[in-house]
Protein backbone atom coordinates (compact mmCIF):
# COMPACT_ATOMS: atom_id res chain seq x y z
CA MET A 1 14.73 -0.66 17.17
CA SER A 2 17.00 -2.51 14.65
CA ALA A 3 16.15 -3.25 11.26
CA SER A 4 17.48 -6.03 9.18
CA ASP A 5 19.38 -5.77 5.96
CA GLU A 6 17.38 -5.72 2.75
CA LEU A 7 16.94 -9.10 1.20
CA LEU A 8 15.41 -10.61 -1.96
CA ALA A 9 12.63 -13.28 -1.73
CA PRO A 10 11.68 -15.56 -4.65
CA VAL A 11 7.82 -15.31 -4.49
CA SER A 12 7.02 -16.91 -7.75
CA PRO A 13 9.07 -18.23 -11.03
CA ASP A 14 8.99 -14.67 -12.38
CA VAL A 15 9.02 -12.22 -9.32
CA GLU A 16 11.43 -11.46 -6.58
CA LEU A 17 10.37 -9.04 -3.74
CA CYS A 18 13.05 -6.95 -2.04
CA TYR A 19 12.10 -6.76 1.56
CA GLN A 20 13.21 -5.76 4.98
CA THR A 21 12.09 -6.46 8.75
CA PHE A 22 11.95 -4.40 11.93
CA GLY A 23 11.71 -5.77 15.54
CA ASP A 24 11.60 -9.12 17.09
CA PRO A 25 10.95 -11.94 14.69
CA SER A 26 9.05 -13.77 17.44
CA ALA A 27 6.46 -11.02 17.72
CA GLU A 28 3.13 -10.70 15.80
CA PRO A 29 3.95 -10.19 12.15
CA LEU A 30 2.58 -7.17 10.50
CA LEU A 31 3.08 -6.83 6.74
CA LEU A 32 3.07 -3.32 5.37
CA VAL A 33 2.03 -2.87 1.66
CA MET A 34 2.72 0.34 -0.14
CA GLY A 35 0.70 2.01 -2.64
CA LEU A 36 1.20 2.83 -6.47
CA GLY A 37 4.57 3.45 -7.74
CA GLY A 38 5.91 3.69 -3.97
CA PRO A 39 8.98 1.51 -2.78
CA MET A 40 8.83 0.19 0.75
CA THR A 41 10.71 3.14 1.92
CA TRP A 42 7.73 5.22 1.83
CA TRP A 43 6.69 3.39 4.98
CA ASP A 44 9.17 5.53 6.92
CA ALA A 45 11.62 3.65 8.96
CA GLU A 46 10.61 5.82 12.02
CA LEU A 47 7.07 4.74 11.69
CA CYS A 48 8.25 1.11 11.27
CA ALA A 49 10.31 1.32 14.47
CA GLN A 50 7.17 2.78 16.38
CA LEU A 51 5.04 -0.14 15.15
CA ALA A 52 7.83 -2.75 16.19
CA ASP A 53 8.07 -0.95 19.50
CA ALA A 54 4.04 -1.74 19.64
CA GLY A 55 4.69 -5.31 19.42
CA PHE A 56 4.70 -6.18 15.77
CA HIS A 57 7.67 -7.99 13.54
CA VAL A 58 7.21 -5.43 10.87
CA ILE A 59 7.82 -6.58 7.42
CA ARG A 60 7.96 -4.02 4.48
CA TYR A 61 8.69 -4.64 0.95
CA ASP A 62 8.89 -3.28 -2.55
CA ASN A 63 5.98 -4.49 -4.84
CA ARG A 64 6.91 -5.66 -8.09
CA ASP A 65 7.81 -2.88 -10.58
CA THR A 66 9.00 -0.69 -7.77
CA GLY A 67 12.43 -0.24 -5.89
CA ARG A 68 14.70 -3.37 -6.05
CA SER A 69 12.07 -5.96 -6.69
CA SER A 70 11.42 -7.58 -10.32
CA ARG A 71 10.20 -5.56 -13.38
CA SER A 72 7.45 -7.44 -15.00
CA PRO A 73 6.99 -7.53 -18.90
CA GLY A 74 4.32 -5.96 -20.74
CA ARG A 75 3.74 -2.52 -22.19
CA VAL A 76 1.05 -0.30 -21.46
CA ARG A 77 -0.04 2.32 -24.18
CA ARG A 78 -1.72 5.53 -23.53
CA ALA A 79 -4.85 4.23 -25.33
CA ASP A 80 -4.80 1.30 -22.94
CA LEU A 81 -4.87 3.71 -19.98
CA VAL A 82 -7.71 5.68 -21.56
CA ARG A 83 -9.70 2.86 -22.03
CA ALA A 84 -9.42 1.46 -18.64
CA PHE A 85 -9.90 4.93 -17.06
CA VAL A 86 -13.34 5.37 -18.77
CA GLY A 87 -14.25 1.82 -17.89
CA ALA A 88 -14.10 0.16 -21.33
CA PRO A 89 -12.52 -3.36 -21.37
CA ALA A 90 -8.93 -3.34 -21.29
CA ARG A 91 -6.15 -5.84 -20.76
CA ALA A 92 -3.74 -5.38 -17.84
CA PRO A 93 -0.20 -6.92 -17.61
CA TYR A 94 -1.18 -8.26 -14.02
CA SER A 95 -3.93 -7.72 -11.68
CA ILE A 96 -4.50 -6.64 -8.07
CA ALA A 97 -5.06 -10.12 -7.21
CA ASP A 98 -1.55 -10.99 -8.65
CA LEU A 99 0.03 -8.48 -6.54
CA ALA A 100 -1.81 -10.12 -3.42
CA GLY A 101 -0.16 -13.39 -4.59
CA ASP A 102 3.26 -11.77 -4.40
CA ALA A 103 2.48 -10.65 -0.81
CA PHE A 104 1.53 -14.32 0.24
CA GLY A 105 4.50 -15.65 -1.48
CA LEU A 106 6.77 -13.25 0.58
CA LEU A 107 4.86 -14.50 3.72
CA ASP A 108 5.71 -18.19 2.49
CA HIS A 109 9.17 -17.20 2.01
CA LEU A 110 9.35 -16.06 5.66
CA GLY A 111 7.58 -19.16 6.93
CA ILE A 112 4.64 -16.90 8.17
CA GLU A 113 1.17 -18.49 8.02
CA SER A 114 -0.79 -15.66 8.85
CA ALA A 115 -0.15 -11.86 9.43
CA HIS A 116 -1.73 -8.52 10.25
CA VAL A 117 -1.85 -6.61 7.05
CA ALA A 118 -1.82 -2.98 6.53
CA GLY A 119 -2.09 -1.39 3.14
CA VAL A 120 -2.12 2.21 1.78
CA SER A 121 -4.03 3.35 -1.25
CA MET A 122 -3.06 0.58 -4.04
CA GLY A 123 -1.60 -1.14 -0.98
CA GLY A 124 -5.15 -1.09 0.77
CA MET A 125 -6.59 -2.65 -2.22
CA ILE A 126 -4.01 -5.46 -2.13
CA ALA A 127 -4.61 -5.87 1.35
CA GLN A 128 -8.37 -6.34 1.04
CA THR A 129 -7.88 -8.73 -1.64
CA MET A 130 -5.65 -10.75 0.54
CA ALA A 131 -8.28 -10.90 3.27
CA LEU A 132 -10.75 -12.15 0.66
CA ALA A 133 -8.46 -14.54 -0.86
CA ALA A 134 -7.34 -16.40 2.03
CA PRO A 135 -9.21 -15.05 5.12
CA GLU A 136 -7.09 -17.51 7.41
CA ARG A 137 -3.98 -15.84 6.55
CA VAL A 138 -4.88 -12.42 7.47
CA LEU A 139 -5.31 -11.82 11.28
CA SER A 140 -6.34 -8.21 11.03
CA LEU A 141 -6.69 -5.64 7.97
CA SER A 142 -5.80 -2.04 7.98
CA SER A 143 -7.10 -0.21 4.73
CA ILE A 144 -5.59 3.12 4.64
CA MET A 145 -6.50 6.00 2.10
CA SER A 146 -7.93 3.33 -0.10
CA THR A 147 -11.07 2.24 -1.84
CA THR A 148 -13.35 -0.74 -2.70
CA GLY A 149 -12.85 -0.87 -6.47
CA ARG A 150 -16.23 0.52 -7.28
CA ARG A 151 -15.82 3.25 -9.86
CA THR A 152 -18.22 5.78 -8.11
CA VAL A 153 -16.18 6.17 -4.98
CA GLY A 154 -12.82 7.00 -4.11
CA ARG A 155 -12.07 8.85 -7.35
CA GLN A 156 -9.15 11.42 -7.89
CA HIS A 157 -9.78 14.85 -7.94
CA PRO A 158 -10.08 16.08 -11.66
CA SER A 159 -7.28 18.82 -11.05
CA LEU A 160 -4.66 16.34 -10.55
CA LEU A 161 -4.76 15.05 -13.81
CA PRO A 162 -2.48 17.16 -15.77
CA THR A 163 0.14 17.10 -13.10
CA LEU A 164 -0.03 13.31 -12.78
CA ILE A 165 0.30 12.59 -16.68
CA ALA A 166 2.73 15.38 -17.30
CA GLY A 167 6.02 14.25 -18.87
CA ARG A 168 9.24 14.46 -16.93
CA GLY A 169 12.68 14.53 -18.13
CA PRO A 170 14.87 11.42 -17.90
CA GLY A 171 17.22 12.35 -14.95
CA ARG A 172 17.24 12.41 -11.16
CA GLU A 173 16.66 16.03 -10.63
CA ASP A 174 13.83 15.81 -13.15
CA TYR A 175 12.20 12.99 -11.02
CA ILE A 176 12.69 15.13 -7.88
CA ARG A 177 10.93 18.10 -9.33
CA GLY A 178 8.04 16.19 -10.61
CA SER A 179 7.60 14.44 -7.25
CA LEU A 180 7.82 17.92 -5.53
CA ALA A 181 4.96 18.99 -7.79
CA VAL A 182 2.81 15.99 -6.89
CA TRP A 183 3.32 15.88 -3.20
CA ARG A 184 2.39 19.68 -3.01
CA ILE A 185 -0.99 18.77 -4.44
CA ILE A 186 -1.74 15.47 -2.58
CA GLY A 187 0.05 16.11 0.63
CA SER A 188 -1.52 16.87 3.88
CA PRO A 189 -2.59 20.72 4.30
CA ARG A 190 -2.71 20.43 8.10
CA PHE A 191 0.45 18.32 8.30
CA PRO A 192 2.73 19.77 5.61
CA GLN A 193 6.05 18.11 5.11
CA THR A 194 9.32 20.16 4.50
CA GLU A 195 10.77 20.47 0.94
CA GLU A 196 13.87 19.11 2.33
CA LYS A 197 12.29 16.13 3.39
CA LEU A 198 10.21 15.60 0.18
CA ARG A 199 13.36 16.18 -2.10
CA LYS A 200 15.45 13.51 0.31
CA ARG A 201 12.59 10.73 -0.22
CA ALA A 202 12.24 11.54 -3.94
CA GLY A 203 16.11 11.27 -4.47
CA GLU A 204 16.25 7.89 -2.39
CA THR A 205 13.11 6.51 -4.46
CA TRP A 206 15.05 7.40 -7.50
CA ASP A 207 18.28 5.81 -6.16
CA ARG A 208 16.38 2.45 -5.37
CA GLY A 209 15.22 2.28 -9.00
CA VAL A 210 12.14 4.06 -10.79
CA SER A 211 10.20 2.36 -13.46
CA ARG A 212 7.89 4.59 -15.55
CA ALA A 213 6.71 1.54 -17.32
CA GLY A 214 6.36 -0.21 -14.04
CA VAL A 215 4.06 2.50 -12.77
CA LEU A 216 1.86 2.21 -15.66
CA ARG A 217 1.38 -1.50 -15.25
CA GLN A 218 0.47 -0.93 -11.67
CA MET A 219 -1.83 1.78 -12.66
CA MET A 220 -3.67 -0.64 -15.06
CA ALA A 221 -3.96 -3.11 -12.32
CA VAL A 222 -5.78 -0.46 -10.29
CA LEU A 223 -7.95 0.63 -13.17
CA THR A 224 -9.08 -2.83 -13.99
CA GLN A 225 -9.55 -4.11 -10.52
CA PRO A 226 -13.04 -5.53 -9.86
CA ASP A 227 -15.50 -4.15 -7.49
CA ARG A 228 -15.10 -5.74 -3.90
CA THR A 229 -18.09 -3.98 -2.27
CA ARG A 230 -20.29 -7.24 -2.24
CA ALA A 231 -17.39 -9.55 -1.40
CA LEU A 232 -15.99 -7.19 1.42
CA ALA A 233 -19.28 -8.16 3.41
CA GLY A 234 -17.80 -11.42 3.97
CA ILE A 235 -14.56 -10.20 5.71
CA THR A 236 -14.40 -11.69 9.31
CA ALA A 237 -10.74 -10.15 10.15
CA PRO A 238 -10.77 -7.09 12.43
CA THR A 239 -10.83 -4.13 10.10
CA LEU A 240 -9.58 -0.75 10.49
CA VAL A 241 -10.35 2.02 7.86
CA MET A 242 -8.42 5.17 8.05
CA HIS A 243 -8.79 8.12 5.55
CA GLY A 244 -7.83 11.60 5.44
CA LEU A 245 -10.82 14.37 4.77
CA ALA A 246 -8.25 16.25 2.64
CA ASP A 247 -7.32 13.30 0.42
CA ARG A 248 -7.50 14.34 -3.34
CA MET A 249 -5.83 11.23 -4.83
CA VAL A 250 -8.48 8.85 -3.20
CA HIS A 251 -11.49 10.74 -2.39
CA VAL A 252 -12.81 9.77 1.21
CA SER A 253 -15.80 8.36 -0.25
CA GLY A 254 -13.68 5.15 -1.03
CA GLY A 255 -12.83 5.01 2.77
CA ARG A 256 -16.45 5.54 3.80
CA ALA A 257 -17.67 2.77 1.38
CA THR A 258 -14.99 0.34 2.49
CA ALA A 259 -16.07 0.98 6.17
CA ALA A 260 -19.85 0.43 5.19
CA ALA A 261 -18.99 -2.77 3.29
CA VAL A 262 -16.99 -4.52 6.03
CA PRO A 263 -19.33 -5.76 9.08
CA GLY A 264 -17.85 -4.17 12.16
CA ALA A 265 -15.12 -1.90 10.56
CA ARG A 266 -13.61 0.52 12.80
CA VAL A 267 -13.06 3.88 11.19
CA THR A 268 -10.70 6.78 11.69
CA PHE A 269 -11.20 10.03 9.35
CA ILE A 270 -8.68 12.80 9.93
CA GLU A 271 -9.32 16.50 9.23
CA GLY A 272 -6.29 18.03 7.20
CA TRP A 273 -5.00 14.56 6.20
CA GLY A 274 -4.04 14.31 2.43
CA HIS A 275 -2.59 11.27 0.62
CA ASP A 276 0.62 10.72 2.43
CA LEU A 277 2.03 9.43 5.69
CA PRO A 278 3.17 12.48 7.75
CA ALA A 279 5.34 12.04 10.55
CA ALA A 280 3.08 14.13 12.91
CA LEU A 281 0.52 11.26 12.48
CA PHE A 282 2.89 8.27 13.02
CA PRO A 283 1.61 7.75 16.75
CA THR A 284 -2.08 8.02 15.47
CA PHE A 285 -1.19 5.20 12.77
CA THR A 286 0.56 2.96 15.30
CA THR A 287 -2.02 3.12 18.13
CA ALA A 288 -4.86 2.59 15.72
CA ILE A 289 -3.33 -0.51 13.86
CA ARG A 290 -2.10 -1.90 17.28
CA ARG A 291 -5.71 -1.56 18.63
CA ASN A 292 -7.19 -3.05 15.75
CA ALA A 293 -4.71 -5.96 15.95
CA ASP A 294 -5.71 -6.51 19.45
CA ARG A 295 -9.16 -7.49 18.28
CA ALA A 296 -7.86 -10.46 16.70
CA ALA A 297 -8.05 -13.78 18.64
CA LEU A 298 -4.32 -14.73 18.19
CA THR A 299 -2.85 -18.20 18.70
CA PRO A 300 0.99 -19.16 18.74
CA ARG A 301 0.47 -20.94 15.49
CA SER A 302 -1.48 -18.42 13.62
CA ALA A 303 0.57 -15.26 14.81
CA GLY A 304 4.16 -16.67 14.43
CA PRO A 305 6.31 -18.54 11.90
CA ARG A 306 5.20 -21.71 10.36
CA SER A 307 6.34 -24.87 12.06
CA GLU A 308 8.53 -27.20 10.05
C-alpha cells in the first residue's frame, strides 16, 4: 500500500503539523493520534498499510512538539511537574483540548468533515476529548492503552519513575540508549521487540527531531487534564477500548474505567501486552479497529472529504 509524501498542514496561526497518508483518499478516513513524545512514525508503516488494506484512508501525524511539527513556547520547570503530579494547581503551556483542536485543524486542512479516530496513550486522551468536543466529527473512537483523566486510575508503576526522569546526554547515541532502557521496562513481555528494531526506531525518532522541552510541555498537558469520566457517558460514537494487562506505563485500570464510562464500549484486554505496538499484534489492532468502525452508520458526506 503506497504512502504519500510527508507534508505540513497549518492548523492554527501558530501550529503546523507534519502528516502522511496511506491508502485510497476516497476510503473512510482514519486519524491516528500518537502518545507522549512519540512522532507519527511510532504508528509503524506496516500497521498503517494493514489498516489501509482494511478499507481506511489512514492519516498519521506528529503532534505539536514532536517530530517535524511546530514547537510551542513555554518552559516547564521541575517544580511545575511535581506540583501537577501531586494534583496541586499548575499552569500548563497548553492542554489536551488544545491538542484535540490541532487534530481537528488537520482534518479541516484535508477537507474532512468527520473521521474514525484511534489514539494510543496520550493520543487516546486526545481522541476521547475530540469525541466529547465535536461528536459529529468522530465516526468511531478507539481508545488504546489510555485512561479517563481520573487520577486514581491508569497510573504509572512507581518503579518507572527513576528511568523516566533520568538525565540523558545530548547526542543521538545517548537518546538511543535512554530509549532502549525505557522500552525494556514498558514493552510487552509476551511480544518482545528486538534490540535492532528498538534501536532503529529510536534513531529515526532522533533524526525526525526530539524536543525534551516539548515532551515536558506534553507531560504537563497530561498531568493537568480534567477527569472526563462523567462526560464520557455522553459519547455516542461506537467505542473500542484496548489495553494490555502488562501495561506498566498506563495501568489497565485506566482502560477498565474508560470502558465502564462509555455506554456500549467494546473491550479487548490482552495478556502480556505492555505499553507499545508490537508487530505481532498488528492484525489484532487492525481487525478490532475495523470492526468498531463498522458499527458506525456512515454516509458519503460524513465519511468522505468535505464538499466545496
